Amino acid sequence: MKGVGPKTVDYIGNLVGRSQVAVDVHLRAFAADAGVPGLKYEQLRSAFEAAAAVLGQEPGGLEHAVWRFTSRTARGRGGAVGGL
């Protein structure tokens, strides 16, 4: 559907009970801070999914934890998220 990208699909998946990673600016900033900048959406989603598997966590749960951590960190930096 025009205007609906992979992030929207993944986000809606989370809303309907699927555990997915919806990569946004917060997850991109976290990855960049971890030394993994510039990955395409699918690559970054796969990296977070692999990390969740290694940690024994649901992908959506890891995504939410990273999002909350990074959004709080951004407020502490005056709103800038990882320079993005």
C-alpha atoms as a PDB file:
ATOM      1  CA  MET A   1       0.000   0.000   0.000  1.00  0.00           C
ATOM      2  CA  LYS A   2       1.412   3.401  -0.944  1.00  0.00           C
ATOM      3  CA  GLY A   3       2.754   5.316   2.035  1.00  0.00           C
ATOM      4  CA  VAL A   4       2.963   2.272   4.295  1.00  0.00           C
ATOM      5  CA  GLY A   5       6.550   1.234   4.840  1.00  0.00           C
ATOM      6  CA  PRO A   6       8.192  -1.547   6.816  1.00  0.00           C
ATOM      7  CA  LYS A   7       8.286   0.446  10.057  1.00  0.00           C
ATOM      8  CA  THR A   8       4.527   0.988   9.970  1.00  0.00           C
ATOM      9  CA  VAL A   9       3.912  -2.683   9.216  1.00  0.00           C
ATOM     10  CA  ASP A  10       6.169  -3.742  12.100  1.00  0.00           C
ATOM     11  CA  TYR A  11       4.595  -1.227  14.481  1.00  0.00           C
ATOM     12  CA  ILE A  12       1.085  -2.384  13.619  1.00  0.00           C
ATOM     13  CA  GLY A  13       2.270  -5.962  14.117  1.00  0.00           C
ATOM     14  CA  ASN A  14       3.246  -5.050  17.686  1.00  0.00           C
ATOM     15  CA  LEU A  15      -0.136  -3.442  18.259  1.00  0.00           C
ATOM     16  CA  VAL A  16      -1.950  -6.625  17.255  1.00  0.00           C
ATOM     17  CA  GLY A  17       0.164  -8.867  19.458  1.00  0.00           C
ATOM     18  CA  ARG A  18       3.106  -9.895  17.306  1.00  0.00           C
ATOM     19  CA  SER A  19       6.534  -9.335  18.816  1.00  0.00           C
ATOM     20  CA  GLN A  20       8.402  -7.364  16.168  1.00  0.00           C
ATOM     21  CA  VAL A  21      11.073  -4.692  15.938  1.00  0.00           C
ATOM     22  CA  ALA A  22       9.910  -1.404  14.414  1.00  0.00           C
ATOM     23  CA  VAL A  23      13.126   0.498  13.737  1.00  0.00           C
ATOM     24  CA  ASP A  24      12.790   4.231  14.359  1.00  0.00           C
ATOM     25  CA  VAL A  25      15.085   7.142  15.162  1.00  0.00           C
ATOM     26  CA  HIS A  26      15.606   5.916  18.730  1.00  0.00           C
ATOM     27  CA  LEU A  27      16.703   2.434  17.675  1.00  0.00           C
ATOM     28  CA  ARG A  28      18.938   3.912  14.947  1.00  0.00           C
ATOM     29  CA  ALA A  29      20.568   6.223  17.525  1.00  0.00           C
ATOM     30  CA  PHE A  30      21.138   3.302  19.901  1.00  0.00           C
ATOM     31  CA  ALA A  31      22.768   1.286  17.119  1.00  0.00           C
ATOM     32  CA  ALA A  32      24.927   4.248  16.075  1.00  0.00           C
ATOM     33  CA  ASP A  33      26.046   4.773  19.679  1.00  0.00           C
ATOM     34  CA  ALA A  34      26.934   1.057  19.768  1.00  0.00           C
ATOM     35  CA  GLY A  35      29.120   1.484  16.684  1.00  0.00           C
ATOM     36  CA  VAL A  36      26.662   0.116  14.133  1.00  0.00           C
ATOM     37  CA  PRO A  37      25.623   3.130  12.046  1.00  0.00           C
ATOM     38  CA  GLY A  38      24.206   3.281   8.549  1.00  0.00           C
ATOM     39  CA  LEU A  39      22.458  -0.085   8.243  1.00  0.00           C
ATOM     40  CA  LYS A  40      19.379  -0.408   6.060  1.00  0.00           C
ATOM     41  CA  TYR A  41      16.052  -0.893   7.842  1.00  0.00           C
ATOM     42  CA  GLU A  42      15.931  -4.644   7.263  1.00  0.00           C
ATOM     43  CA  GLN A  43      19.550  -5.114   8.374  1.00  0.00           C
ATOM     44  CA  LEU A  44      19.028  -3.159  11.573  1.00  0.00           C
ATOM     45  CA  ARG A  45      15.771  -4.982  12.335  1.00  0.00           C
ATOM     46  CA  SER A  46      17.590  -8.299  11.850  1.00  0.00           C
ATOM     47  CA  ALA A  47      20.409  -7.173  14.156  1.00  0.00           C
ATOM     48  CA  PHE A  48      17.931  -6.294  16.926  1.00  0.00           C
ATOM     49  CA  GLU A  49      16.075  -9.585  16.381  1.00  0.00           C
ATOM     50  CA  ALA A  50      19.355 -11.528  16.625  1.00  0.00           C
ATOM     51  CA  ALA A  51      20.289  -9.640  19.800  1.00  0.00           C
ATOM     52  CA  ALA A  52      16.892 -10.467  21.300  1.00  0.00           C
ATOM     53  CA  ALA A  53      17.399 -14.154  20.506  1.00  0.00           C
ATOM     54  CA  VAL A  54      20.859 -14.174  22.102  1.00  0.00           C
ATOM     55  CA  LEU A  55      19.442 -12.452  25.197  1.00  0.00           C
ATOM     56  CA  GLY A  56      16.440 -14.776  25.366  1.00  0.00           C
ATOM     57  CA  GLN A  57      14.012 -11.886  24.939  1.00  0.00           C
ATOM     58  CA  GLU A  58      11.043 -11.229  22.684  1.00  0.00           C
ATOM     59  CA  PRO A  59      12.030  -8.891  19.816  1.00  0.00           C
ATOM     60  CA  GLY A  60       9.229  -6.438  20.661  1.00  0.00           C
ATOM     61  CA  GLY A  61      10.273  -6.366  24.311  1.00  0.00           C
ATOM     62  CA  LEU A  62      13.878  -5.566  23.426  1.00  0.00           C
ATOM     63  CA  GLU A  63      12.704  -2.912  20.973  1.00  0.00           C
ATOM     64  CA  HIS A  64      10.569  -1.295  23.671  1.00  0.00           C
ATOM     65  CA  ALA A  65      13.387  -1.364  26.245  1.00  0.00           C
ATOM     66  CA  VAL A  66      15.855   0.202  23.809  1.00  0.00           C
ATOM     67  CA  TRP A  67      13.279   2.794  22.741  1.00  0.00           C
ATOM     68  CA  ARG A  68      12.556   3.785  26.356  1.00  0.00           C
ATOM     69  CA  PHE A  69      16.256   3.946  27.250  1.00  0.00           C
ATOM     70  CA  THR A  70      17.187   5.994  24.192  1.00  0.00           C
ATOM     71  CA  SER A  71      14.211   8.350  24.454  1.00  0.00           C
ATOM     72  CA  ARG A  72      15.117   9.097  28.096  1.00  0.00           C
ATOM     73  CA  THR A  73      18.758   9.598  27.144  1.00  0.00           C
ATOM     74  CA  ALA A  74      17.687  12.001  24.386  1.00  0.00           C
ATOM     75  CA  ARG A  75      15.754  14.155  26.857  1.00  0.00           C
ATOM     76  CA  GLY A  76      18.886  14.320  29.020  1.00  0.00           C
ATOM     77  CA  ARG A  77      20.838  15.606  26.006  1.00  0.00           C
ATOM     78  CA  GLY A  78      18.409  18.404  25.322  1.00  0.00           C
ATOM     79  CA  GLY A  79      16.284  16.440  22.872  1.00  0.00           C
ATOM     80  CA  ALA A  80      18.924  15.424  20.351  1.00  0.00           C
ATOM     81  CA  VAL A  81      18.940  11.705  19.664  1.00  0.00           C
ATOM     82  CA  GLY A  82      22.412  10.480  18.847  1.00  0.00           C
ATOM     83  CA  GLY A  83      23.053  13.476  16.633  1.00  0.00           C
ATOM     84  CA  LEU A  84      20.119  12.548  14.393  1.00  0.00           C
END
